Structures are given as structure tokens and as C-alpha cells.
């Protein structure tokens, strides 16, 4: 049985420059956690919608819809 520890990390396929650019966009000095939750959620929703559209196109090509 494999046990995950709090130190387990997930590798993201993103350059340091890309990660820093995103961090800069969502950064907020006014937030207790250091990020603007509204902006962060908008970015996440935009990405999810893009993935949904992409998946729809793939499913159409494969005859799954």
C-alpha cells in the first residue's frame, strides 16, 4: 500500500517564467493569502471551459457525441 505524505509534489508542465507570470496576475497585496480569489477563479473557469470545448471537439471526431 502506497502512502502519500504532505511532501508529495505534483510536477506541472510549466516553465518557471509561465508560473511567475500567472502568479503576478493573481497576486494581491490586499488578500490575507496573497492572491486575488476572484481573478484566480475566473482563470480556472476559463481553462475548464476551454478544456470542455476541446473535449467536445475530440468526442465529435471520434463519434462519441
PDB file of N, CA and C in Angstrom:
ATOM      1  N   UNK A   1       0.850  -1.183   0.000  1.00  0.00           N
ATOM      2  CA  UNK A   1       0.000   0.000   0.000  1.00  0.00           C
ATOM      3  C   UNK A   1       0.891   1.240   0.000  1.00  0.00           C
ATOM      4  N   UNK A   2       0.636   2.129  -0.942  1.00  0.00           N
ATOM      5  CA  UNK A   2       1.409   3.366  -1.033  1.00  0.00           C
ATOM      6  C   UNK A   2       0.755   4.435  -0.176  1.00  0.00           C
ATOM      7  N   UNK A   3       1.576   5.101   0.601  1.00  0.00           N
ATOM      8  CA  UNK A   3       1.063   6.148   1.472  1.00  0.00           C
ATOM      9  C   UNK A   3       1.577   7.496   1.027  1.00  0.00           C
ATOM     10  N   UNK A   4       0.679   8.428   0.806  1.00  0.00           N
ATOM     11  CA  UNK A   4       1.078   9.767   0.403  1.00  0.00           C
ATOM     12  C   UNK A   4       1.409  10.584   1.632  1.00  0.00           C
ATOM     13  N   UNK A   5       2.424  11.394   1.509  1.00  0.00           N
ATOM     14  CA  UNK A   5       2.818  12.251   2.612  1.00  0.00           C
ATOM     15  C   UNK A   5       2.559  13.708   2.228  1.00  0.00           C
ATOM     16  N   UNK A   6       2.536  14.596   3.196  1.00  0.00           N
ATOM     17  CA  UNK A   6       2.342  16.015   2.871  1.00  0.00           C
ATOM     18  C   UNK A   6       3.418  16.586   1.947  1.00  0.00           C
ATOM     19  N   UNK A   7       4.555  15.906   1.823  1.00  0.00           N
ATOM     20  CA  UNK A   7       5.633  16.411   0.981  1.00  0.00           C
ATOM     21  C   UNK A   7       5.513  15.937  -0.467  1.00  0.00           C
ATOM     22  N   UNK A   8       4.500  15.112  -0.774  1.00  0.00           N
ATOM     23  CA  UNK A   8       4.308  14.653  -2.145  1.00  0.00           C
ATOM     24  C   UNK A   8       4.031  15.851  -3.047  1.00  0.00           C
ATOM     25  N   UNK A   9       4.754  15.934  -4.163  1.00  0.00           N
ATOM     26  CA  UNK A   9       4.589  17.057  -5.078  1.00  0.00           C
ATOM     27  C   UNK A   9       4.124  16.566  -6.438  1.00  0.00           C
ATOM     28  N   UNK A  10       3.380  17.408  -7.110  1.00  0.00           N
ATOM     29  CA  UNK A  10       2.931  17.121  -8.458  1.00  0.00           C
ATOM     30  C   UNK A  10       3.722  18.014  -9.402  1.00  0.00           C
ATOM     31  N   UNK A  11       4.309  17.414 -10.410  1.00  0.00           N
ATOM     32  CA  UNK A  11       5.079  18.195 -11.386  1.00  0.00           C
ATOM     33  C   UNK A  11       4.118  18.795 -12.403  1.00  0.00           C
ATOM     34  N   UNK A  12       4.164  20.099 -12.547  1.00  0.00           N
ATOM     35  CA  UNK A  12       3.355  20.781 -13.543  1.00  0.00           C
ATOM     36  C   UNK A  12       4.204  21.039 -14.778  1.00  0.00           C
ATOM     37  N   UNK A  13       3.617  20.829 -15.919  1.00  0.00           N
ATOM     38  CA  UNK A  13       4.340  21.075 -17.154  1.00  0.00           C
ATOM     39  C   UNK A  13       4.238  22.553 -17.495  1.00  0.00           C
ATOM     40  N   UNK A  14       5.049  23.344 -16.818  1.00  0.00           N
ATOM     41  CA  UNK A  14       5.018  24.782 -16.969  1.00  0.00           C
ATOM     42  C   UNK A  14       6.407  25.313 -16.639  1.00  0.00           C
ATOM     43  N   UNK A  15       6.847  26.251 -17.445  1.00  0.00           N
ATOM     44  CA  UNK A  15       8.149  26.838 -17.167  1.00  0.00           C
ATOM     45  C   UNK A  15       8.042  27.758 -15.954  1.00  0.00           C
ATOM     46  N   UNK A  16       9.164  28.047 -15.371  1.00  0.00           N
ATOM     47  CA  UNK A  16       9.207  28.963 -14.231  1.00  0.00           C
ATOM     48  C   UNK A  16       8.687  30.343 -14.636  1.00  0.00           C
ATOM     49  N   UNK A  17       9.029  30.764 -15.863  1.00  0.00           N
ATOM     50  CA  UNK A  17       8.550  32.065 -16.349  1.00  0.00           C
ATOM     51  C   UNK A  17       7.026  32.102 -16.462  1.00  0.00           C
ATOM     52  N   UNK A  18       6.435  31.019 -16.977  1.00  0.00           N
ATOM     53  CA  UNK A  18       4.971  30.948 -17.075  1.00  0.00           C
ATOM     54  C   UNK A  18       4.333  30.987 -15.689  1.00  0.00           C
ATOM     55  N   UNK A  19       4.879  30.218 -14.775  1.00  0.00           N
ATOM     56  CA  UNK A  19       4.349  30.176 -13.412  1.00  0.00           C
ATOM     57  C   UNK A  19       4.453  31.551 -12.753  1.00  0.00           C
ATOM     58  N   UNK A  20       5.574  32.216 -12.943  1.00  0.00           N
ATOM     59  CA  UNK A  20       5.747  33.548 -12.368  1.00  0.00           C
ATOM     60  C   UNK A  20       4.778  34.554 -12.977  1.00  0.00           C
ATOM     61  N   UNK A  21       4.514  34.433 -14.276  1.00  0.00           N
ATOM     62  CA  UNK A  21       3.569  35.340 -14.938  1.00  0.00           C
ATOM     63  C   UNK A  21       2.164  35.158 -14.366  1.00  0.00           C
ATOM     64  N   UNK A  22       1.753  33.924 -14.163  1.00  0.00           N
ATOM     65  CA  UNK A  22       0.436  33.661 -13.575  1.00  0.00           C
ATOM     66  C   UNK A  22       0.387  34.180 -12.147  1.00  0.00           C
ATOM     67  N   UNK A  23       1.427  33.908 -11.393  1.00  0.00           N
ATOM     68  CA  UNK A  23       1.479  34.369 -10.001  1.00  0.00           C
ATOM     69  C   UNK A  23       1.360  35.886  -9.925  1.00  0.00           C
ATOM     70  N   UNK A  24       1.980  36.565 -10.871  1.00  0.00           N
ATOM     71  CA  UNK A  24       1.916  38.027 -10.885  1.00  0.00           C
ATOM     72  C   UNK A  24       0.500  38.519 -11.192  1.00  0.00           C
ATOM     73  N   UNK A  25      -0.192  37.836 -12.092  1.00  0.00           N
ATOM     74  CA  UNK A  25      -1.560  38.229 -12.458  1.00  0.00           C
ATOM     75  C   UNK A  25      -2.516  38.072 -11.278  1.00  0.00           C
ATOM     76  N   UNK A  26      -2.380  36.993 -10.522  1.00  0.00           N
ATOM     77  CA  UNK A  26      -3.344  36.725  -9.443  1.00  0.00           C
ATOM     78  C   UNK A  26      -2.906  37.288  -8.085  1.00  0.00           C
ATOM     79  N   UNK A  27      -1.718  37.853  -8.033  1.00  0.00           N
ATOM     80  CA  UNK A  27      -1.198  38.391  -6.776  1.00  0.00           C
ATOM     81  C   UNK A  27      -2.054  39.536  -6.253  1.00  0.00           C
ATOM     82  N   UNK A  28      -2.228  39.577  -4.933  1.00  0.00           N
ATOM     83  CA  UNK A  28      -2.972  40.663  -4.310  1.00  0.00           C
ATOM     84  C   UNK A  28      -2.374  40.970  -2.944  1.00  0.00           C
ATOM     85  N   UNK A  29      -1.923  42.184  -2.802  1.00  0.00           N
ATOM     86  CA  UNK A  29      -1.372  42.630  -1.514  1.00  0.00           C
ATOM     87  C   UNK A  29      -2.479  42.778  -0.469  1.00  0.00           C
ATOM     88  N   UNK A  30      -3.716  42.962  -0.926  1.00  0.00           N
ATOM     89  CA  UNK A  30      -4.844  43.168  -0.013  1.00  0.00           C
ATOM     90  C   UNK A  30      -5.412  41.872   0.553  1.00  0.00           C
ATOM     91  N   UNK A  31      -5.019  40.744  -0.009  1.00  0.00           N
ATOM     92  CA  UNK A  31      -5.564  39.459   0.414  1.00  0.00           C
ATOM     93  C   UNK A  31      -4.704  38.826   1.510  1.00  0.00           C
ATOM     94  N   UNK A  32      -5.337  38.222   2.503  1.00  0.00           N
ATOM     95  CA  UNK A  32      -4.544  37.567   3.559  1.00  0.00           C
ATOM     96  C   UNK A  32      -3.737  36.370   3.045  1.00  0.00           C
ATOM     97  N   UNK A  33      -4.168  35.780   1.934  1.00  0.00           N
ATOM     98  CA  UNK A  33      -3.426  34.644   1.377  1.00  0.00           C
ATOM     99  C   UNK A  33      -2.520  35.042   0.211  1.00  0.00           C
ATOM    100  N   UNK A  34      -2.547  36.320  -0.159  1.00  0.00           N
ATOM    101  CA  UNK A  34      -1.633  36.811  -1.171  1.00  0.00           C
ATOM    102  C   UNK A  34      -2.098  36.712  -2.612  1.00  0.00           C
ATOM    103  N   UNK A  35      -3.307  36.166  -2.833  1.00  0.00           N
ATOM    104  CA  UNK A  35      -3.830  36.093  -4.199  1.00  0.00           C
ATOM    105  C   UNK A  35      -5.252  36.627  -4.241  1.00  0.00           C
ATOM    106  N   UNK A  36      -5.641  37.098  -5.415  1.00  0.00           N
ATOM    107  CA  UNK A  36      -6.993  37.581  -5.649  1.00  0.00           C
ATOM    108  C   UNK A  36      -7.856  36.375  -6.007  1.00  0.00           C
ATOM    109  N   UNK A  37      -8.732  35.983  -5.110  1.00  0.00           N
ATOM    110  CA  UNK A  37      -9.555  34.785  -5.317  1.00  0.00           C
ATOM    111  C   UNK A  37     -10.458  34.925  -6.536  1.00  0.00           C
ATOM    112  N   UNK A  38     -11.004  36.115  -6.759  1.00  0.00           N
ATOM    113  CA  UNK A  38     -11.872  36.327  -7.911  1.00  0.00           C
ATOM    114  C   UNK A  38     -11.148  36.083  -9.219  1.00  0.00           C
ATOM    115  N   UNK A  39      -9.975  36.705  -9.381  1.00  0.00           N
ATOM    116  CA  UNK A  39      -9.179  36.512 -10.595  1.00  0.00           C
ATOM    117  C   UNK A  39      -8.793  35.050 -10.763  1.00  0.00           C
ATOM    118  N   UNK A  40      -8.403  34.434  -9.655  1.00  0.00           N
ATOM    119  CA  UNK A  40      -7.986  33.035  -9.691  1.00  0.00           C
ATOM    120  C   UNK A  40      -9.118  32.144 -10.182  1.00  0.00           C
ATOM    121  N   UNK A  41     -10.314  32.365  -9.658  1.00  0.00           N
ATOM    122  CA  UNK A  41     -11.454  31.558 -10.081  1.00  0.00           C
ATOM    123  C   UNK A  41     -11.817  31.804 -11.539  1.00  0.00           C
ATOM    124  N   UNK A  42     -11.723  33.036 -11.996  1.00  0.00           N
ATOM    125  CA  UNK A  42     -12.007  33.328 -13.404  1.00  0.00           C
ATOM    126  C   UNK A  42     -11.037  32.581 -14.316  1.00  0.00           C
ATOM    127  N   UNK A  43      -9.758  32.587 -13.962  1.00  0.00           N
ATOM    128  CA  UNK A  43      -8.759  31.873 -14.759  1.00  0.00           C
ATOM    129  C   UNK A  43      -9.063  30.379 -14.783  1.00  0.00           C
ATOM    130  N   UNK A  44      -9.388  29.813 -13.635  1.00  0.00           N
ATOM    131  CA  UNK A  44      -9.699  28.378 -13.559  1.00  0.00           C
ATOM    132  C   UNK A  44     -10.920  28.057 -14.415  1.00  0.00           C
ATOM    133  N   UNK A  45     -11.961  28.863 -14.311  1.00  0.00           N
ATOM    134  CA  UNK A  45     -13.184  28.614 -15.085  1.00  0.00           C
ATOM    135  C   UNK A  45     -12.905  28.753 -16.577  1.00  0.00           C
ATOM    136  N   UNK A  46     -12.114  29.752 -16.982  1.00  0.00           N
ATOM    137  CA  UNK A  46     -11.761  29.898 -18.395  1.00  0.00           C
ATOM    138  C   UNK A  46     -11.044  28.649 -18.909  1.00  0.00           C
ATOM    139  N   UNK A  47     -10.110  28.149 -18.123  1.00  0.00           N
ATOM    140  CA  UNK A  47      -9.370  26.954 -18.539  1.00  0.00           C
ATOM    141  C   UNK A  47     -10.278  25.727 -18.610  1.00  0.00           C
ATOM    142  N   UNK A  48     -11.177  25.587 -17.647  1.00  0.00           N
ATOM    143  CA  UNK A  48     -12.107  24.456 -17.663  1.00  0.00           C
ATOM    144  C   UNK A  48     -13.028  24.518 -18.876  1.00  0.00           C
ATOM    145  N   UNK A  49     -13.517  25.710 -19.214  1.00  0.00           N
ATOM    146  CA  UNK A  49     -14.372  25.858 -20.387  1.00  0.00           C
ATOM    147  C   UNK A  49     -13.608  25.538 -21.671  1.00  0.00           C
ATOM    148  N   UNK A  50     -12.349  25.960 -21.741  1.00  0.00           N
ATOM    149  CA  UNK A  50     -11.527  25.644 -22.909  1.00  0.00           C
ATOM    150  C   UNK A  50     -11.322  24.137 -23.023  1.00  0.00           C
ATOM    151  N   UNK A  51     -11.082  23.474 -21.912  1.00  0.00           N
ATOM    152  CA  UNK A  51     -10.924  22.017 -21.918  1.00  0.00           C
ATOM    153  C   UNK A  51     -12.213  21.317 -22.332  1.00  0.00           C
ATOM    154  N   UNK A  52     -13.342  21.837 -21.861  1.00  0.00           N
ATOM    155  CA  UNK A  52     -14.637  21.261 -22.228  1.00  0.00           C
ATOM    156  C   UNK A  52     -14.867  21.379 -23.740  1.00  0.00           C
ATOM    157  N   UNK A  53     -14.579  22.549 -24.311  1.00  0.00           N
ATOM    158  CA  UNK A  53     -14.740  22.735 -25.759  1.00  0.00           C
ATOM    159  C   UNK A  53     -13.813  21.793 -26.528  1.00  0.00           C
ATOM    160  N   UNK A  54     -12.601  21.667 -26.043  1.00  0.00           N
ATOM    161  CA  UNK A  54     -11.641  20.775 -26.705  1.00  0.00           C
ATOM    162  C   UNK A  54     -12.103  19.323 -26.633  1.00  0.00           C
ATOM    163  N   UNK A  55     -12.577  18.915 -25.474  1.00  0.00           N
ATOM    164  CA  UNK A  55     -13.079  17.554 -25.314  1.00  0.00           C
ATOM    165  C   UNK A  55     -14.287  17.309 -26.212  1.00  0.00           C
ATOM    166  N   UNK A  56     -15.177  18.290 -26.325  1.00  0.00           N
ATOM    167  CA  UNK A  56     -16.338  18.167 -27.213  1.00  0.00           C
ATOM    168  C   UNK A  56     -15.890  17.931 -28.657  1.00  0.00           C
ATOM    169  N   UNK A  57     -14.877  18.699 -29.111  1.00  0.00           N
ATOM    170  CA  UNK A  57     -14.377  18.526 -30.484  1.00  0.00           C
ATOM    171  C   UNK A  57     -13.774  17.130 -30.681  1.00  0.00           C
ATOM    172  N   UNK A  58     -13.038  16.671 -29.700  1.00  0.00           N
ATOM    173  CA  UNK A  58     -12.427  15.337 -29.793  1.00  0.00           C
ATOM    174  C   UNK A  58     -13.515  14.267 -29.842  1.00  0.00           C
ATOM    175  N   UNK A  59     -14.515  14.402 -28.969  1.00  0.00           N
ATOM    176  CA  UNK A  59     -15.599  13.417 -28.951  1.00  0.00           C
ATOM    177  C   UNK A  59     -16.368  13.418 -30.268  1.00  0.00           C
ATOM    178  N   UNK A  60     -16.568  14.597 -30.853  1.00  0.00           N
ATOM    179  CA  UNK A  60     -17.266  14.663 -32.143  1.00  0.00           C
ATOM    180  C   UNK A  60     -16.470  13.938 -33.218  1.00  0.00           C
ATOM    181  N   UNK A  61     -15.153  14.134 -33.229  1.00  0.00           N
ATOM    182  CA  UNK A  61     -14.312  13.451 -34.219  1.00  0.00           C
ATOM    183  C   UNK A  61     -14.331  11.945 -34.035  1.00  0.00           C
ATOM    184  N   UNK A  62     -14.447  11.505 -32.796  1.00  0.00           N
ATOM    185  CA  UNK A  62     -14.436  10.064 -32.517  1.00  0.00           C
ATOM    186  C   UNK A  62     -15.835   9.463 -32.597  1.00  0.00           C
ATOM    187  N   UNK A  63     -16.829  10.296 -32.862  1.00  0.00           N
ATOM    188  CA  UNK A  63     -18.193   9.798 -32.973  1.00  0.00           C
ATOM    189  C   UNK A  63     -18.846   9.518 -31.632  1.00  0.00           C
ATOM    190  N   UNK A  64     -18.316  10.110 -30.588  1.00  0.00           N
ATOM    191  CA  UNK A  64     -18.824   9.857 -29.246  1.00  0.00           C
ATOM    192  C   UNK A  64     -19.969  10.741 -28.834  1.00  0.00           C
ATOM    193  N   UNK A  65     -20.355  11.689 -29.678  1.00  0.00           N
ATOM    194  CA  UNK A  65     -21.476  12.582 -29.317  1.00  0.00           C
ATOM    195  C   UNK A  65     -22.438  12.682 -30.445  1.00  0.00           C
TER     196      UNK A  65
END
